[in-house]
Amino acid sequence: MSVEGKSEEILIEEVKNVVVNLEALSLIELLKKKLEVGVKDNKLTLSDEEVVIIIKLLDGSPSYFNDIEKTLVEIIKDNKIDSTDIPNIIALIQKLYELIYNIKVIKLDGKKRCEVCASILKCLIHLLVEERIIKIDDEQKTKFLNDVDKLIDSFIGLLRLPKELKTKNCLQTIFSNK
């Protein structure tokens, strides 16, 4: 059976895309509600600077929030985080880092940008899970969130590593006292 010349598979895929888009929109609306000035009952643990960055991202790159949700759905599809999920998490971190880097209104050094990136991503993932936009069994929820936090911290640590290492140039090596 087909509608307007479209096969059932195409129609099913289009419906799935609409559902995903509606869920992403609900994440964006949920974030906007949580970030409203004066809302003190939310569980977001973000600095004022991080809130400004999220607002800029919501305005300039709303598709990123859709990507987070899709990636998390893909990660939890097998009810665990394993080595096949690592590239997906790295891609989320890389994209967020680039988006934050491209926000010209706020100047952050590399180390601070890494910290902000980790904080925002953790907050968004926790919000998705806590608000049941991404459904995880209650007994697995704490472990999942802890595992994701540890992975994000590890990846951010690697991202920050080149900024923390200082190499001596040739002249410093020659003329050093050691």
N, C-alpha and C. Protein backbone atom coordinates (compact mmCIF):
# COMPACT_ATOMS: atom_id res chain seq x y z
N MET A 1 0.84 -1.18 0.00
CA MET A 1 0.00 0.00 0.00
C MET A 1 0.89 1.24 0.00
N SER A 2 0.44 2.28 -0.67
CA SER A 2 1.22 3.50 -0.69
C SER A 2 0.30 4.71 -0.64
N VAL A 3 0.85 5.81 -0.16
CA VAL A 3 0.13 7.07 -0.09
C VAL A 3 0.90 8.06 -0.94
N GLU A 4 0.23 8.68 -1.89
CA GLU A 4 0.85 9.65 -2.78
C GLU A 4 2.13 9.10 -3.41
N GLY A 5 2.11 7.82 -3.76
CA GLY A 5 3.26 7.22 -4.43
C GLY A 5 4.42 6.87 -3.51
N LYS A 6 4.24 6.95 -2.19
CA LYS A 6 5.31 6.64 -1.25
C LYS A 6 5.09 5.24 -0.67
N SER A 7 6.16 4.49 -0.54
CA SER A 7 6.06 3.16 0.03
C SER A 7 5.85 3.24 1.54
N GLU A 8 5.45 2.11 2.13
CA GLU A 8 5.21 2.07 3.57
C GLU A 8 6.49 2.37 4.34
N GLU A 9 7.64 1.86 3.87
CA GLU A 9 8.90 2.10 4.57
C GLU A 9 9.24 3.59 4.62
N ILE A 10 9.01 4.28 3.51
CA ILE A 10 9.29 5.72 3.48
C ILE A 10 8.36 6.46 4.42
N LEU A 11 7.08 6.08 4.43
CA LEU A 11 6.12 6.72 5.32
C LEU A 11 6.48 6.49 6.79
N ILE A 12 6.88 5.26 7.11
CA ILE A 12 7.28 4.94 8.49
C ILE A 12 8.49 5.77 8.88
N GLU A 13 9.47 5.89 7.99
CA GLU A 13 10.67 6.69 8.27
C GLU A 13 10.31 8.15 8.48
N GLU A 14 9.39 8.68 7.67
CA GLU A 14 8.97 10.06 7.83
C GLU A 14 8.28 10.29 9.17
N VAL A 15 7.46 9.33 9.59
CA VAL A 15 6.80 9.44 10.89
C VAL A 15 7.84 9.40 12.01
N LYS A 16 8.83 8.52 11.90
CA LYS A 16 9.89 8.46 12.90
C LYS A 16 10.62 9.79 12.99
N ASN A 17 10.91 10.41 11.84
CA ASN A 17 11.60 11.70 11.84
C ASN A 17 10.76 12.77 12.51
N VAL A 18 9.46 12.76 12.28
CA VAL A 18 8.58 13.74 12.91
C VAL A 18 8.59 13.55 14.41
N VAL A 19 8.54 12.28 14.88
CA VAL A 19 8.55 12.01 16.32
C VAL A 19 9.85 12.50 16.92
N VAL A 20 10.99 12.22 16.28
CA VAL A 20 12.28 12.68 16.80
C VAL A 20 12.31 14.19 16.86
N ASN A 21 11.81 14.87 15.81
CA ASN A 21 11.80 16.32 15.80
C ASN A 21 10.92 16.89 16.90
N LEU A 22 9.78 16.27 17.17
CA LEU A 22 8.92 16.73 18.26
C LEU A 22 9.61 16.56 19.61
N GLU A 23 10.32 15.44 19.79
CA GLU A 23 11.04 15.23 21.04
C GLU A 23 12.15 16.26 21.20
N ALA A 24 12.87 16.57 20.13
CA ALA A 24 13.93 17.57 20.20
C ALA A 24 13.35 18.92 20.53
N LEU A 25 12.22 19.23 19.94
CA LEU A 25 11.57 20.49 20.23
C LEU A 25 11.19 20.54 21.71
N SER A 26 10.74 19.43 22.25
CA SER A 26 10.40 19.42 23.67
C SER A 26 11.64 19.63 24.53
N LEU A 27 12.78 19.13 24.09
CA LEU A 27 14.02 19.37 24.83
C LEU A 27 14.37 20.85 24.80
N ILE A 28 14.24 21.46 23.64
CA ILE A 28 14.53 22.88 23.53
C ILE A 28 13.58 23.70 24.40
N GLU A 29 12.31 23.38 24.34
CA GLU A 29 11.34 24.10 25.17
C GLU A 29 11.60 23.86 26.65
N LEU A 30 11.94 22.62 27.00
CA LEU A 30 12.27 22.31 28.39
C LEU A 30 13.48 23.12 28.85
N LEU A 31 14.49 23.20 28.02
CA LEU A 31 15.67 23.99 28.36
C LEU A 31 15.33 25.46 28.54
N LYS A 32 14.54 25.99 27.63
CA LYS A 32 14.16 27.40 27.74
C LYS A 32 13.40 27.66 29.03
N LYS A 33 12.53 26.74 29.39
CA LYS A 33 11.77 26.88 30.64
C LYS A 33 12.70 26.81 31.85
N LYS A 34 13.63 25.88 31.83
CA LYS A 34 14.56 25.71 32.94
C LYS A 34 15.52 26.89 33.07
N LEU A 35 15.81 27.55 31.98
CA LEU A 35 16.77 28.64 32.00
C LEU A 35 16.14 30.01 32.23
N GLU A 36 14.83 30.06 32.33
CA GLU A 36 14.18 31.34 32.58
C GLU A 36 14.72 31.99 33.84
N VAL A 37 14.83 33.29 33.79
CA VAL A 37 15.28 34.03 34.96
C VAL A 37 14.23 33.89 36.05
N GLY A 38 14.66 33.59 37.24
CA GLY A 38 13.75 33.47 38.36
C GLY A 38 13.32 32.05 38.65
N VAL A 39 13.63 31.10 37.77
CA VAL A 39 13.27 29.72 38.03
C VAL A 39 14.33 29.13 38.94
N LYS A 40 13.97 28.95 40.20
CA LYS A 40 14.95 28.47 41.18
C LYS A 40 14.75 27.01 41.55
N ASP A 41 13.63 26.41 41.14
CA ASP A 41 13.37 25.03 41.53
C ASP A 41 13.97 24.01 40.58
N ASN A 42 14.69 24.48 39.56
CA ASN A 42 15.28 23.51 38.63
C ASN A 42 16.56 22.94 39.22
N LYS A 43 16.99 21.84 38.64
CA LYS A 43 18.17 21.13 39.13
C LYS A 43 19.41 21.41 38.29
N LEU A 44 19.33 22.41 37.43
CA LEU A 44 20.48 22.73 36.59
C LEU A 44 21.56 23.36 37.44
N THR A 45 22.74 22.84 37.33
CA THR A 45 23.86 23.38 38.09
C THR A 45 24.83 24.04 37.11
N LEU A 46 24.38 25.13 36.55
CA LEU A 46 25.17 25.85 35.57
C LEU A 46 25.49 27.24 36.08
N SER A 47 26.67 27.72 35.71
CA SER A 47 27.03 29.09 36.03
C SER A 47 26.26 30.04 35.11
N ASP A 48 26.28 31.31 35.43
CA ASP A 48 25.62 32.30 34.58
C ASP A 48 26.22 32.30 33.17
N GLU A 49 27.53 32.14 33.11
CA GLU A 49 28.22 32.11 31.82
C GLU A 49 27.76 30.91 30.99
N GLU A 50 27.60 29.76 31.62
CA GLU A 50 27.16 28.56 30.93
C GLU A 50 25.71 28.70 30.45
N VAL A 51 24.88 29.36 31.24
CA VAL A 51 23.50 29.61 30.84
C VAL A 51 23.47 30.49 29.59
N VAL A 52 24.31 31.54 29.57
CA VAL A 52 24.37 32.42 28.40
C VAL A 52 24.81 31.62 27.17
N ILE A 53 25.76 30.73 27.34
CA ILE A 53 26.23 29.91 26.22
C ILE A 53 25.12 29.00 25.71
N ILE A 54 24.39 28.37 26.61
CA ILE A 54 23.28 27.51 26.18
C ILE A 54 22.23 28.32 25.43
N ILE A 55 21.92 29.50 25.92
CA ILE A 55 20.94 30.35 25.23
C ILE A 55 21.44 30.69 23.83
N LYS A 56 22.72 31.01 23.70
CA LYS A 56 23.30 31.31 22.38
C LYS A 56 23.21 30.07 21.47
N LEU A 57 23.47 28.89 22.05
CA LEU A 57 23.39 27.66 21.27
C LEU A 57 21.95 27.36 20.85
N LEU A 58 21.01 27.60 21.76
CA LEU A 58 19.60 27.40 21.43
C LEU A 58 19.18 28.29 20.26
N ASP A 59 19.68 29.52 20.25
CA ASP A 59 19.35 30.45 19.18
C ASP A 59 20.08 30.11 17.88
N GLY A 60 21.36 29.78 17.99
CA GLY A 60 22.17 29.61 16.79
C GLY A 60 22.29 28.20 16.26
N SER A 61 22.18 27.20 17.12
CA SER A 61 22.40 25.81 16.70
C SER A 61 21.41 24.86 17.38
N PRO A 62 20.12 25.05 17.18
CA PRO A 62 19.15 24.17 17.84
C PRO A 62 19.27 22.71 17.41
N SER A 63 19.81 22.46 16.22
CA SER A 63 19.95 21.08 15.76
C SER A 63 20.91 20.28 16.64
N TYR A 64 21.83 20.96 17.33
CA TYR A 64 22.76 20.25 18.21
C TYR A 64 22.00 19.50 19.31
N PHE A 65 20.93 20.09 19.81
CA PHE A 65 20.15 19.45 20.87
C PHE A 65 19.43 18.22 20.34
N ASN A 66 19.04 18.25 19.09
CA ASN A 66 18.47 17.09 18.43
C ASN A 66 19.53 15.99 18.31
N ASP A 67 20.76 16.38 17.97
CA ASP A 67 21.86 15.43 17.84
C ASP A 67 22.16 14.75 19.17
N ILE A 68 22.11 15.50 20.26
CA ILE A 68 22.35 14.91 21.59
C ILE A 68 21.33 13.81 21.86
N GLU A 69 20.08 14.14 21.61
CA GLU A 69 19.03 13.17 21.88
C GLU A 69 19.18 11.92 21.01
N LYS A 70 19.41 12.11 19.72
CA LYS A 70 19.58 10.97 18.82
C LYS A 70 20.76 10.11 19.24
N THR A 71 21.85 10.75 19.61
CA THR A 71 23.05 10.01 20.02
C THR A 71 22.79 9.22 21.29
N LEU A 72 22.11 9.82 22.25
CA LEU A 72 21.81 9.09 23.48
C LEU A 72 20.88 7.92 23.23
N VAL A 73 19.92 8.09 22.36
CA VAL A 73 19.04 6.98 22.01
C VAL A 73 19.87 5.84 21.42
N GLU A 74 20.82 6.20 20.56
CA GLU A 74 21.69 5.20 19.95
C GLU A 74 22.56 4.51 21.02
N ILE A 75 23.06 5.29 21.97
CA ILE A 75 23.92 4.73 23.02
C ILE A 75 23.16 3.77 23.92
N ILE A 76 21.95 4.14 24.32
CA ILE A 76 21.22 3.30 25.28
C ILE A 76 20.42 2.19 24.62
N LYS A 77 20.49 2.12 23.30
CA LYS A 77 19.76 1.09 22.57
C LYS A 77 20.11 -0.31 23.09
N ASP A 78 21.35 -0.53 23.47
CA ASP A 78 21.77 -1.84 23.97
C ASP A 78 21.86 -1.88 25.50
N ASN A 79 21.31 -0.86 26.16
CA ASN A 79 21.24 -0.77 27.64
C ASN A 79 22.59 -0.78 28.33
N LYS A 80 23.62 -0.30 27.65
CA LYS A 80 24.93 -0.19 28.28
C LYS A 80 25.79 0.77 27.48
N ILE A 81 26.84 1.24 28.13
CA ILE A 81 27.83 2.06 27.44
C ILE A 81 29.04 1.17 27.22
N ASP A 82 29.44 1.04 25.97
CA ASP A 82 30.61 0.22 25.68
C ASP A 82 31.49 0.92 24.64
N SER A 83 32.49 0.22 24.18
CA SER A 83 33.47 0.84 23.28
C SER A 83 32.85 1.32 21.97
N THR A 84 31.75 0.73 21.56
CA THR A 84 31.11 1.19 20.32
C THR A 84 30.43 2.54 20.49
N ASP A 85 30.17 2.94 21.73
CA ASP A 85 29.52 4.22 22.01
C ASP A 85 30.51 5.38 22.11
N ILE A 86 31.78 5.08 22.31
CA ILE A 86 32.78 6.12 22.53
C ILE A 86 32.88 7.11 21.37
N PRO A 87 32.91 6.65 20.12
CA PRO A 87 32.97 7.64 19.03
C PRO A 87 31.77 8.60 19.02
N ASN A 88 30.60 8.11 19.40
CA ASN A 88 29.41 8.98 19.46
C ASN A 88 29.56 10.07 20.52
N ILE A 89 30.08 9.69 21.67
CA ILE A 89 30.26 10.66 22.75
C ILE A 89 31.35 11.67 22.37
N ILE A 90 32.41 11.18 21.76
CA ILE A 90 33.48 12.08 21.32
C ILE A 90 32.94 13.07 20.29
N ALA A 91 32.09 12.61 19.39
CA ALA A 91 31.52 13.50 18.38
C ALA A 91 30.66 14.58 19.03
N LEU A 92 29.89 14.22 20.06
CA LEU A 92 29.10 15.23 20.79
C LEU A 92 29.99 16.28 21.42
N ILE A 93 31.05 15.83 22.07
CA ILE A 93 31.97 16.75 22.73
C ILE A 93 32.65 17.65 21.70
N GLN A 94 33.11 17.06 20.62
CA GLN A 94 33.80 17.83 19.57
C GLN A 94 32.87 18.90 19.00
N LYS A 95 31.64 18.52 18.70
CA LYS A 95 30.70 19.48 18.12
C LYS A 95 30.39 20.60 19.11
N LEU A 96 30.17 20.26 20.37
CA LEU A 96 29.89 21.29 21.38
C LEU A 96 31.08 22.22 21.55
N TYR A 97 32.28 21.66 21.59
CA TYR A 97 33.50 22.47 21.72
C TYR A 97 33.60 23.46 20.55
N GLU A 98 33.35 22.98 19.34
CA GLU A 98 33.41 23.85 18.16
C GLU A 98 32.34 24.94 18.23
N LEU A 99 31.13 24.57 18.65
CA LEU A 99 30.06 25.56 18.75
C LEU A 99 30.39 26.64 19.78
N ILE A 100 30.93 26.21 20.92
CA ILE A 100 31.31 27.18 21.96
C ILE A 100 32.46 28.05 21.46
N TYR A 101 33.41 27.45 20.77
CA TYR A 101 34.54 28.19 20.22
C TYR A 101 34.07 29.29 19.26
N ASN A 102 33.03 28.99 18.50
CA ASN A 102 32.53 29.92 17.49
C ASN A 102 31.60 31.00 18.05
N ILE A 103 31.28 30.94 19.32
CA ILE A 103 30.50 32.01 19.94
C ILE A 103 31.47 33.15 20.21
N LYS A 104 31.36 34.20 19.43
CA LYS A 104 32.34 35.28 19.49
C LYS A 104 32.05 36.28 20.62
N VAL A 105 30.84 36.26 21.14
CA VAL A 105 30.47 37.22 22.18
C VAL A 105 31.18 36.91 23.50
N ILE A 106 31.44 35.63 23.74
CA ILE A 106 32.05 35.21 25.00
C ILE A 106 33.46 34.72 24.71
N LYS A 107 34.44 35.30 25.38
CA LYS A 107 35.84 34.92 25.19
C LYS A 107 36.23 33.94 26.30
N LEU A 108 36.64 32.75 25.90
CA LEU A 108 37.09 31.73 26.84
C LEU A 108 38.45 31.21 26.39
N ASP A 109 39.34 30.98 27.35
CA ASP A 109 40.58 30.32 26.99
C ASP A 109 40.29 28.83 26.81
N GLY A 110 41.24 28.09 26.30
CA GLY A 110 41.04 26.68 25.99
C GLY A 110 40.64 25.84 27.19
N LYS A 111 41.28 26.08 28.32
CA LYS A 111 40.97 25.30 29.52
C LYS A 111 39.54 25.57 30.00
N LYS A 112 39.16 26.82 30.03
CA LYS A 112 37.81 27.19 30.47
C LYS A 112 36.76 26.66 29.48
N ARG A 113 37.08 26.72 28.18
CA ARG A 113 36.15 26.20 27.17
C ARG A 113 35.92 24.72 27.39
N CYS A 114 36.96 23.98 27.75
CA CYS A 114 36.82 22.55 28.04
C CYS A 114 35.91 22.32 29.24
N GLU A 115 36.13 23.09 30.30
CA GLU A 115 35.31 22.95 31.51
C GLU A 115 33.85 23.27 31.23
N VAL A 116 33.61 24.33 30.48
CA VAL A 116 32.24 24.72 30.13
C VAL A 116 31.58 23.64 29.27
N CYS A 117 32.34 23.11 28.34
CA CYS A 117 31.85 22.06 27.46
C CYS A 117 31.40 20.84 28.29
N ALA A 118 32.23 20.41 29.21
CA ALA A 118 31.90 19.26 30.06
C ALA A 118 30.66 19.54 30.90
N SER A 119 30.63 20.69 31.51
CA SER A 119 29.51 21.04 32.38
C SER A 119 28.19 21.08 31.62
N ILE A 120 28.19 21.71 30.46
CA ILE A 120 26.97 21.83 29.66
C ILE A 120 26.51 20.46 29.17
N LEU A 121 27.43 19.68 28.65
CA LEU A 121 27.05 18.37 28.12
C LEU A 121 26.50 17.46 29.22
N LYS A 122 27.17 17.46 30.36
CA LYS A 122 26.67 16.65 31.48
C LYS A 122 25.27 17.10 31.89
N CYS A 123 25.09 18.40 32.00
CA CYS A 123 23.81 18.96 32.39
C CYS A 123 22.71 18.56 31.41
N LEU A 124 22.99 18.67 30.12
CA LEU A 124 22.00 18.32 29.11
C LEU A 124 21.64 16.84 29.16
N ILE A 125 22.64 15.99 29.31
CA ILE A 125 22.38 14.55 29.38
C ILE A 125 21.58 14.22 30.64
N HIS A 126 21.95 14.81 31.76
CA HIS A 126 21.19 14.58 33.00
C HIS A 126 19.75 15.05 32.84
N LEU A 127 19.56 16.19 32.21
CA LEU A 127 18.22 16.72 32.00
C LEU A 127 17.40 15.78 31.12
N LEU A 128 17.99 15.29 30.06
CA LEU A 128 17.28 14.35 29.19
C LEU A 128 16.85 13.09 29.93
N VAL A 129 17.72 12.59 30.78
CA VAL A 129 17.42 11.37 31.52
C VAL A 129 16.44 11.64 32.66
N GLU A 130 16.69 12.68 33.43
CA GLU A 130 15.84 12.98 34.59
C GLU A 130 14.41 13.35 34.18
N GLU A 131 14.27 14.03 33.06
CA GLU A 131 12.94 14.43 32.59
C GLU A 131 12.29 13.35 31.73
N ARG A 132 12.93 12.20 31.64
CA ARG A 132 12.41 11.03 30.95
C ARG A 132 12.22 11.24 29.45
N ILE A 133 12.93 12.21 28.88
CA ILE A 133 12.92 12.34 27.43
C ILE A 133 13.68 11.15 26.85
N ILE A 134 14.77 10.78 27.52
CA ILE A 134 15.48 9.54 27.24
C ILE A 134 15.13 8.60 28.39
N LYS A 135 14.53 7.49 28.05
CA LYS A 135 14.04 6.58 29.09
C LYS A 135 15.10 5.52 29.42
N ILE A 136 15.46 5.49 30.69
CA ILE A 136 16.40 4.51 31.21
C ILE A 136 15.77 3.93 32.47
N ASP A 137 15.92 2.63 32.65
CA ASP A 137 15.38 1.98 33.84
C ASP A 137 15.90 2.67 35.09
N ASP A 138 15.04 2.82 36.09
CA ASP A 138 15.43 3.53 37.30
C ASP A 138 16.65 2.91 37.97
N GLU A 139 16.76 1.58 37.97
CA GLU A 139 17.91 0.96 38.61
C GLU A 139 19.20 1.15 37.81
N GLN A 140 19.07 1.44 36.52
CA GLN A 140 20.23 1.68 35.67
C GLN A 140 20.57 3.16 35.52
N LYS A 141 19.65 4.04 35.89
CA LYS A 141 19.81 5.47 35.64
C LYS A 141 21.05 6.05 36.31
N THR A 142 21.23 5.77 37.59
CA THR A 142 22.37 6.33 38.31
C THR A 142 23.68 5.83 37.72
N LYS A 143 23.75 4.54 37.43
CA LYS A 143 24.97 3.98 36.84
C LYS A 143 25.23 4.59 35.47
N PHE A 144 24.20 4.71 34.66
CA PHE A 144 24.35 5.30 33.33
C PHE A 144 24.88 6.73 33.43
N LEU A 145 24.27 7.54 34.28
CA LEU A 145 24.69 8.94 34.42
C LEU A 145 26.12 9.04 34.95
N ASN A 146 26.47 8.19 35.92
CA ASN A 146 27.84 8.19 36.44
C ASN A 146 28.84 7.78 35.35
N ASP A 147 28.49 6.77 34.57
CA ASP A 147 29.38 6.31 33.50
C ASP A 147 29.56 7.40 32.44
N VAL A 148 28.46 8.05 32.07
CA VAL A 148 28.56 9.13 31.08
C VAL A 148 29.40 10.28 31.62
N ASP A 149 29.19 10.64 32.89
CA ASP A 149 29.99 11.72 33.50
C ASP A 149 31.48 11.38 33.48
N LYS A 150 31.82 10.13 33.82
CA LYS A 150 33.22 9.72 33.82
C LYS A 150 33.81 9.75 32.42
N LEU A 151 33.05 9.30 31.44
CA LEU A 151 33.53 9.34 30.06
C LEU A 151 33.76 10.78 29.60
N ILE A 152 32.81 11.64 29.88
CA ILE A 152 32.95 13.04 29.48
C ILE A 152 34.17 13.65 30.16
N ASP A 153 34.34 13.41 31.46
CA ASP A 153 35.51 13.93 32.16
C ASP A 153 36.81 13.41 31.55
N SER A 154 36.83 12.13 31.18
CA SER A 154 38.03 11.56 30.57
C SER A 154 38.33 12.19 29.22
N PHE A 155 37.31 12.35 28.40
CA PHE A 155 37.51 12.95 27.08
C PHE A 155 37.90 14.41 27.19
N ILE A 156 37.31 15.12 28.12
CA ILE A 156 37.66 16.53 28.31
C ILE A 156 39.09 16.64 28.83
N GLY A 157 39.48 15.71 29.69
CA GLY A 157 40.86 15.68 30.16
C GLY A 157 41.84 15.51 29.01
N LEU A 158 41.50 14.66 28.05
CA LEU A 158 42.36 14.49 26.87
C LEU A 158 42.35 15.73 26.00
N LEU A 159 41.20 16.36 25.89
CA LEU A 159 41.10 17.58 25.09
C LEU A 159 41.91 18.71 25.71
N ARG A 160 41.96 18.73 27.03
CA ARG A 160 42.67 19.78 27.75
C ARG A 160 44.17 19.50 27.83
N LEU A 161 44.58 18.29 27.63
CA LEU A 161 45.99 17.90 27.80
C LEU A 161 46.97 18.74 26.99
N PRO A 162 46.75 18.96 25.70
CA PRO A 162 47.72 19.78 24.96
C PRO A 162 47.83 21.21 25.50
N LYS A 163 46.77 21.72 26.08
CA LYS A 163 46.79 23.07 26.62
C LYS A 163 47.57 23.14 27.93
N GLU A 164 47.64 22.01 28.63
CA GLU A 164 48.33 21.97 29.92
C GLU A 164 49.81 21.65 29.77
N LEU A 165 50.16 20.94 28.72
CA LEU A 165 51.56 20.60 28.49
C LEU A 165 52.28 21.77 27.87
N LYS A 166 53.38 22.08 28.40
CA LYS A 166 54.19 23.16 27.82
C LYS A 166 55.52 22.53 27.41
N THR A 167 55.82 22.67 26.16
CA THR A 167 57.08 22.12 25.67
C THR A 167 58.10 23.24 25.59
N LYS A 168 59.32 22.90 25.88
CA LYS A 168 60.39 23.87 25.77
C LYS A 168 60.82 23.96 24.32
N ASN A 169 61.13 25.16 23.92
CA ASN A 169 61.65 25.29 22.57
C ASN A 169 63.15 25.00 22.60
N CYS A 170 63.74 24.99 21.49
CA CYS A 170 65.14 24.62 21.35
C CYS A 170 66.06 25.50 22.21
N LEU A 171 65.89 26.81 22.19
CA LEU A 171 66.75 27.72 22.94
C LEU A 171 66.58 27.54 24.45
N GLN A 172 65.33 27.30 24.90
CA GLN A 172 65.12 27.08 26.32
C GLN A 172 65.85 25.83 26.79
N THR A 173 65.87 24.79 25.96
CA THR A 173 66.56 23.56 26.31
C THR A 173 68.06 23.78 26.41
N ILE A 174 68.64 24.51 25.47
CA ILE A 174 70.07 24.74 25.44
C ILE A 174 70.53 25.58 26.63
N PHE A 175 69.77 26.63 26.96
CA PHE A 175 70.21 27.57 27.98
C PHE A 175 69.60 27.34 29.36
N SER A 176 68.94 26.22 29.54
CA SER A 176 68.37 25.96 30.88
C SER A 176 69.48 25.55 31.83
N ASN A 177 69.24 25.73 33.12
CA ASN A 177 70.25 25.43 34.14
C ASN A 177 70.43 23.95 34.38
N LYS A 178 69.53 23.16 33.93
CA LYS A 178 69.63 21.71 34.20
C LYS A 178 70.38 21.01 33.14
